[in-house]
C-alpha atoms as a PDB file:
ATOM      1  CA  MET A   1     -40.984 -26.657  29.917  1.00  0.00           C
ATOM      2  CA  LYS A   2     -41.964 -28.169  33.461  1.00  0.00           C
ATOM      3  CA  CYS A   3     -44.730 -26.939  35.551  1.00  0.00           C
ATOM      4  CA  PRO A   4     -43.388 -24.943  38.634  1.00  0.00           C
ATOM      5  CA  LYS A   5     -46.014 -26.529  40.840  1.00  0.00           C
ATOM      6  CA  CYS A   6     -46.193 -30.266  40.030  1.00  0.00           C
ATOM      7  CA  HIS A   7     -43.126 -30.475  37.962  1.00  0.00           C
ATOM      8  CA  LYS A   8     -44.541 -32.441  35.019  1.00  0.00           C
ATOM      9  CA  GLU A   9     -43.438 -31.670  31.515  1.00  0.00           C
ATOM     10  CA  VAL A  10     -45.730 -29.040  29.877  1.00  0.00           C
ATOM     11  CA  GLU A  11     -46.076 -28.342  26.110  1.00  0.00           C
ATOM     12  CA  LYS A  12     -44.108 -25.432  25.163  1.00  0.00           C
ATOM     13  CA  GLY A  13     -46.158 -22.133  24.893  1.00  0.00           C
ATOM     14  CA  SER A  14     -48.834 -23.352  27.386  1.00  0.00           C
ATOM     15  CA  LEU A  15     -50.468 -20.663  29.953  1.00  0.00           C
ATOM     16  CA  TYR A  16     -51.567 -23.109  32.439  1.00  0.00           C
ATOM     17  CA  CYS A  17     -50.631 -26.824  33.312  1.00  0.00           C
ATOM     18  CA  PRO A  18     -52.883 -29.413  32.025  1.00  0.00           C
ATOM     19  CA  TYR A  19     -52.680 -31.487  35.260  1.00  0.00           C
ATOM     20  CA  CYS A  20     -52.814 -29.232  38.146  1.00  0.00           C
ATOM     21  CA  LEU A  21     -53.961 -25.916  36.351  1.00  0.00           C
ATOM     22  CA  ALA A  22     -51.307 -23.759  37.758  1.00  0.00           C
ATOM     23  CA  GLU A  23     -50.251 -20.768  35.884  1.00  0.00           C
ATOM     24  CA  ILE A  24     -47.119 -21.216  33.930  1.00  0.00           C
ATOM     25  CA  PRO A  25     -44.833 -18.225  34.088  1.00  0.00           C
ATOM     26  CA  TRP A  26     -43.977 -17.061  30.489  1.00  0.00           C
ATOM     27  CA  VAL A  27     -40.151 -16.395  30.288  1.00  0.00           C
ATOM     28  CA  ARG A  28     -38.925 -14.685  26.987  1.00  0.00           C
ATOM     29  CA  GLU A  29     -36.195 -16.650  25.283  1.00  0.00           C
ATOM     30  CA  PHE A  30     -32.848 -14.991  24.942  1.00  0.00           C
ATOM     31  CA  SER A  31     -30.814 -15.187  21.868  1.00  0.00           C
ATOM     32  CA  THR A  32     -27.699 -17.345  22.967  1.00  0.00           C
ATOM     33  CA  VAL A  33     -24.879 -18.611  20.810  1.00  0.00           C
ATOM     34  CA  GLU A  34     -26.743 -21.912  20.381  1.00  0.00           C
ATOM     35  CA  THR A  35     -29.945 -20.260  19.288  1.00  0.00           C
ATOM     36  CA  LEU A  36     -28.255 -18.044  16.885  1.00  0.00           C
ATOM     37  CA  MET A  37     -26.176 -21.238  15.467  1.00  0.00           C
ATOM     38  CA  LYS A  38     -29.483 -22.977  15.077  1.00  0.00           C
ATOM     39  CA  LYS A  39     -31.219 -20.140  13.328  1.00  0.00           C
ATOM     40  CA  GLU A  40     -28.324 -20.011  11.020  1.00  0.00           C
ATOM     41  CA  GLN A  41     -28.307 -23.628  10.079  1.00  0.00           C
ATOM     42  CA  GLN A  42     -32.047 -23.290   9.496  1.00  0.00           C
ATOM     43  CA  ASN A  43     -31.273 -20.498   6.587  1.00  0.00           C
ATOM     44  CA  ARG A  44     -28.532 -22.582   5.048  1.00  0.00           C
ATOM     45  CA  PRO A  45     -30.703 -25.150   3.343  1.00  0.00           C
ATOM     46  CA  SER A  46     -32.416 -22.378   1.457  1.00  0.00           C
ATOM     47  CA  GLU A  47     -28.949 -21.530   0.039  1.00  0.00           C
ATOM     48  CA  LYS A  48     -28.357 -25.165  -0.713  1.00  0.00           C
ATOM     49  CA  LYS A  49     -31.592 -25.260  -2.279  1.00  0.00           C
ATOM     50  CA  GLN A  50     -30.641 -22.456  -4.677  1.00  0.00           C
ATOM     51  CA  LYS A  51     -27.381 -24.014  -5.455  1.00  0.00           C
ATOM     52  CA  THR A  52     -29.186 -27.125  -6.492  1.00  0.00           C
ATOM     53  CA  GLU A  53     -31.785 -25.123  -8.469  1.00  0.00           C
ATOM     54  CA  ILE A  54     -28.985 -23.447 -10.390  1.00  0.00           C
ATOM     55  CA  ILE A  55     -26.873 -26.856 -11.055  1.00  0.00           C
ATOM     56  CA  LYS A  56     -30.275 -28.343 -12.174  1.00  0.00           C
ATOM     57  CA  TYR A  57     -30.964 -25.365 -14.649  1.00  0.00           C
ATOM     58  CA  PHE A  58     -27.462 -26.035 -16.186  1.00  0.00           C
ATOM     59  CA  LYS A  59     -27.943 -29.705 -16.461  1.00  0.00           C
ATOM     60  CA  HIS A  60     -31.525 -29.652 -17.604  1.00  0.00           C
ATOM     61  CA  PRO A  61     -31.591 -31.670 -20.956  1.00  0.00           C
ATOM     62  CA  LYS A  62     -33.942 -29.286 -22.685  1.00  0.00           C
ATOM     63  CA  ARG A  63     -31.704 -26.418 -22.027  1.00  0.00           C
ATOM     64  CA  ARG A  64     -29.951 -25.640 -25.456  1.00  0.00           C
ATOM     65  CA  LYS A  65     -26.163 -25.898 -25.702  1.00  0.00           C
ATOM     66  CA  LEU A  66     -24.256 -23.690 -27.894  1.00  0.00           C
ATOM     67  CA  LYS A  67     -22.803 -25.865 -30.697  1.00  0.00           C
ATOM     68  CA  PHE A  68     -20.318 -24.666 -33.205  1.00  0.00           C
ATOM     69  CA  SER A  69     -19.528 -26.558 -36.370  1.00  0.00           C
ATOM     70  CA  ARG A  70     -15.730 -26.932 -37.448  1.00  0.00           C
ATOM     71  CA  LYS A  71     -16.271 -24.427 -40.103  1.00  0.00           C
ATOM     72  CA  GLN A  72     -17.816 -21.718 -37.488  1.00  0.00           C
ATOM     73  CA  LEU A  73     -14.814 -22.683 -35.136  1.00  0.00           C
ATOM     74  CA  LEU A  74     -12.385 -22.123 -38.034  1.00  0.00           C
ATOM     75  CA  CYS A  75     -14.122 -18.826 -39.362  1.00  0.00           C
ATOM     76  CA  LEU A  76     -14.181 -17.410 -35.802  1.00  0.00           C
ATOM     77  CA  LEU A  77     -10.571 -18.256 -35.109  1.00  0.00           C
ATOM     78  CA  LEU A  78      -9.756 -16.886 -38.412  1.00  0.00           C
ATOM     79  CA  CYS A  79     -11.212 -13.375 -37.712  1.00  0.00           C
ATOM     80  CA  ALA A  80      -9.652 -13.372 -34.182  1.00  0.00           C
ATOM     81  CA  ALA A  81      -6.179 -13.930 -35.771  1.00  0.00           C
ATOM     82  CA  THR A  82      -6.758 -11.225 -38.478  1.00  0.00           C
ATOM     83  CA  LEU A  83      -7.662  -8.714 -35.756  1.00  0.00           C
ATOM     84  CA  LEU A  84      -4.872  -9.787 -33.585  1.00  0.00           C
ATOM     85  CA  GLY A  85      -2.549  -9.270 -36.718  1.00  0.00           C
ATOM     86  CA  PHE A  86      -4.001  -5.969 -37.561  1.00  0.00           C
ATOM     87  CA  PHE A  87      -3.483  -4.549 -34.011  1.00  0.00           C
ATOM     88  CA  CYS A  88       0.045  -5.916 -33.956  1.00  0.00           C
ATOM     89  CA  TYR A  89       0.910  -4.350 -37.102  1.00  0.00           C
ATOM     90  CA  ARG A  90      -0.329  -1.102 -36.127  1.00  0.00           C
ATOM     91  CA  GLN A  91       1.427  -1.192 -32.979  1.00  0.00           C
ATOM     92  CA  LEU A  92       4.742  -2.156 -34.680  1.00  0.00           C
ATOM     93  CA  ASN A  93       4.511   0.470 -37.046  1.00  0.00           C
ATOM     94  CA  THR A  94       4.058   3.514 -34.896  1.00  0.00           C
ATOM     95  CA  PHE A  95       6.624   6.160 -35.049  1.00  0.00           C
ATOM     96  CA  SER A  96       8.167   5.604 -31.757  1.00  0.00           C
ATOM     97  CA  ALA A  97       8.316   1.637 -32.487  1.00  0.00           C
ATOM     98  CA  LEU A  98      10.040   2.294 -36.008  1.00  0.00           C
ATOM     99  CA  TYR A  99      12.521   4.908 -34.442  1.00  0.00           C
ATOM    100  CA  SER A 100      13.616   2.780 -31.562  1.00  0.00           C
ATOM    101  CA  ARG A 101      14.071  -0.234 -34.077  1.00  0.00           C
ATOM    102  CA  ALA A 102      16.126   2.054 -36.406  1.00  0.00           C
ATOM    103  CA  LYS A 103      18.179   3.222 -33.333  1.00  0.00           C
ATOM    104  CA  LYS A 104      18.956  -0.679 -32.456  1.00  0.00           C
ATOM    105  CA  GLN A 105      19.808  -1.219 -36.134  1.00  0.00           C
ATOM    106  CA  TYR A 106      22.342   1.602 -35.862  1.00  0.00           C
ATOM    107  CA  ALA A 107      23.750   0.505 -32.660  1.00  0.00           C
ATOM    108  CA  GLN A 108      24.206  -2.922 -34.032  1.00  0.00           C
ATOM    109  CA  GLN A 109      26.099  -1.303 -37.125  1.00  0.00           C
ATOM    110  CA  ASN A 110      23.488  -2.476 -39.526  1.00  0.00           C
ATOM    111  CA  TYR A 111      23.408   0.886 -41.237  1.00  0.00           C
ATOM    112  CA  GLU A 112      21.290  -0.123 -44.389  1.00  0.00           C
ATOM    113  CA  GLU A 113      18.635  -1.514 -42.291  1.00  0.00           C
ATOM    114  CA  ALA A 114      18.745   1.360 -40.045  1.00  0.00           C
ATOM    115  CA  GLN A 115      18.285   3.670 -42.958  1.00  0.00           C
ATOM    116  CA  ARG A 116      15.532   1.799 -44.384  1.00  0.00           C
ATOM    117  CA  ILE A 117      13.626   1.565 -41.001  1.00  0.00           C
ATOM    118  CA  ALA A 118      14.225   5.457 -40.176  1.00  0.00           C
ATOM    119  CA  GLU A 119      12.883   6.165 -43.656  1.00  0.00           C
ATOM    120  CA  ASN A 120       9.621   4.247 -42.820  1.00  0.00           C
ATOM    121  CA  ALA A 121       9.846   6.137 -39.288  1.00  0.00           C
ATOM    122  CA  LEU A 122      10.087   9.701 -41.241  1.00  0.00           C
ATOM    123  CA  ASP A 123       7.052   8.749 -43.540  1.00  0.00           C
ATOM    124  CA  LYS A 124       4.863   8.706 -40.210  1.00  0.00           C
ATOM    125  CA  ASN A 125       6.674  11.978 -38.795  1.00  0.00           C
ATOM    126  CA  PRO A 126       8.812  13.767 -41.308  1.00  0.00           C
ATOM    127  CA  LYS A 127       9.413  16.892 -39.198  1.00  0.00           C
ATOM    128  CA  ASN A 128      11.155  14.854 -36.403  1.00  0.00           C
ATOM    129  CA  GLU A 129      14.959  16.055 -36.028  1.00  0.00           C
ATOM    130  CA  ALA A 130      16.156  13.192 -34.144  1.00  0.00           C
ATOM    131  CA  ALA A 131      14.711  10.444 -36.970  1.00  0.00           C
ATOM    132  CA  ASN A 132      16.284  12.763 -39.546  1.00  0.00           C
ATOM    133  CA  LEU A 133      19.690  12.815 -37.913  1.00  0.00           C
ATOM    134  CA  LEU A 134      19.758   9.267 -37.363  1.00  0.00           C
ATOM    135  CA  LEU A 135      18.887   8.768 -41.198  1.00  0.00           C
ATOM    136  CA  ALA A 136      21.620  11.052 -41.925  1.00  0.00           C
ATOM    137  CA  LYS A 137      24.173   9.462 -39.586  1.00  0.00           C
ATOM    138  CA  SER A 138      23.093   5.953 -41.079  1.00  0.00           C
ATOM    139  CA  MET A 139      23.712   7.326 -44.798  1.00  0.00           C
ATOM    140  CA  GLU A 140      27.163   8.841 -43.774  1.00  0.00           C
ATOM    141  CA  LYS A 141      28.125   5.378 -42.182  1.00  0.00           C
ATOM    142  CA  SER A 142      26.903   3.548 -45.585  1.00  0.00           C
ATOM    143  CA  GLY A 143      29.047   5.986 -47.380  1.00  0.00           C
ATOM    144  CA  ASP A 144      26.360   8.243 -49.027  1.00  0.00           C
ATOM    145  CA  LYS A 145      27.618  11.567 -47.553  1.00  0.00           C
ATOM    146  CA  GLN A 146      25.828  13.745 -50.252  1.00  0.00           C
ATOM    147  CA  SER A 147      22.357  12.306 -49.282  1.00  0.00           C
ATOM    148  CA  ALA A 148      23.123  12.917 -45.569  1.00  0.00           C
ATOM    149  CA  LEU A 149      23.751  16.482 -46.294  1.00  0.00           C
ATOM    150  CA  LEU A 150      20.426  16.750 -48.418  1.00  0.00           C
ATOM    151  CA  VAL A 151      18.461  15.432 -45.241  1.00  0.00           C
ATOM    152  CA  LEU A 152      20.130  17.645 -42.832  1.00  0.00           C
ATOM    153  CA  ARG A 153      20.138  20.900 -45.029  1.00  0.00           C
ATOM    154  CA  PRO A 154      16.577  22.099 -44.026  1.00  0.00           C
ATOM    155  CA  PHE A 155      17.266  21.698 -40.299  1.00  0.00           C
ATOM    156  CA  ILE A 156      20.677  23.334 -40.786  1.00  0.00           C
ATOM    157  CA  GLN A 157      19.206  26.307 -42.572  1.00  0.00           C
ATOM    158  CA  ASN A 158      16.194  26.767 -40.222  1.00  0.00           C
ATOM    159  CA  LYS A 159      18.761  26.542 -37.142  1.00  0.00           C
ATOM    160  CA  THR A 160      20.702  29.452 -38.544  1.00  0.00           C
ATOM    161  CA  VAL A 161      17.665  31.384 -39.127  1.00  0.00           C
ATOM    162  CA  CYS A 162      16.490  30.637 -35.565  1.00  0.00           C
ATOM    163  CA  GLU A 163      19.821  31.756 -34.294  1.00  0.00           C
ATOM    164  CA  ALA A 164      19.928  34.934 -36.424  1.00  0.00           C
ATOM    165  CA  SER A 165      16.288  35.833 -35.386  1.00  0.00           C
ATOM    166  CA  TYR A 166      17.526  35.641 -31.706  1.00  0.00           C
ATOM    167  CA  THR A 167      20.435  38.019 -32.208  1.00  0.00           C
ATOM    168  CA  GLY A 168      18.788  40.242 -34.674  1.00  0.00           C
ATOM    169  CA  GLY A 169      15.628  41.611 -32.744  1.00  0.00           C
ATOM    170  CA  LYS A 170      11.827  41.050 -32.698  1.00  0.00           C
ATOM    171  CA  ASP A 171      11.035  41.636 -36.495  1.00  0.00           C
ATOM    172  CA  GLN A 172      13.372  38.736 -37.533  1.00  0.00           C
ATOM    173  CA  ARG A 173      12.171  36.520 -35.000  1.00  0.00           C
ATOM    174  CA  SER A 174       8.597  36.672 -36.318  1.00  0.00           C
ATOM    175  CA  GLN A 175      10.007  35.541 -39.874  1.00  0.00           C
ATOM    176  CA  ALA A 176      11.493  32.316 -38.347  1.00  0.00           C
ATOM    177  CA  ASP A 177       9.579  29.159 -38.438  1.00  0.00           C
ATOM    178  CA  PRO A 178       8.155  28.861 -34.758  1.00  0.00           C
ATOM    179  CA  GLU A 179       7.729  24.912 -34.919  1.00  0.00           C
ATOM    180  CA  ILE A 180      11.341  24.591 -35.374  1.00  0.00           C
ATOM    181  CA  CYS A 181      12.784  27.295 -33.351  1.00  0.00           C
END
């Protein structure tokens, strides 16, 4: 700051000039881009300080690091592999997965394998008509027509009961199995 009367350099914040005792007008400092940038730069060292403190914490020699022995790592890896295997086995042995695999085997004309997989799928959902039909088709293609008819017989009988119940009236409709009809 400069004195307006004698034009000598005066300490910032002074109310009177120490040389000529003239009153120095006080002008409020406006926030310019430069002053905002200076303030921002003054705030940044604290961020750097925090980063260095975090780095010091992790590099501190007294801080205990996790150490695993080979046996512990092997046990952990074995547990993880067992869990992964269990979930994969459960996912691959759902009804829908088994049924789709049986359909693929049937499409590839591998009828014995399709029959085996369809039987596994029917263990999960024995009332599924599509799986029973696929099983009967694969049995028929394998040459076992008698077993194919035995598989389809309950569904054929229930379909005829359902058709008769719809043509016969309300009393017969209540006698039919509502899940199949």
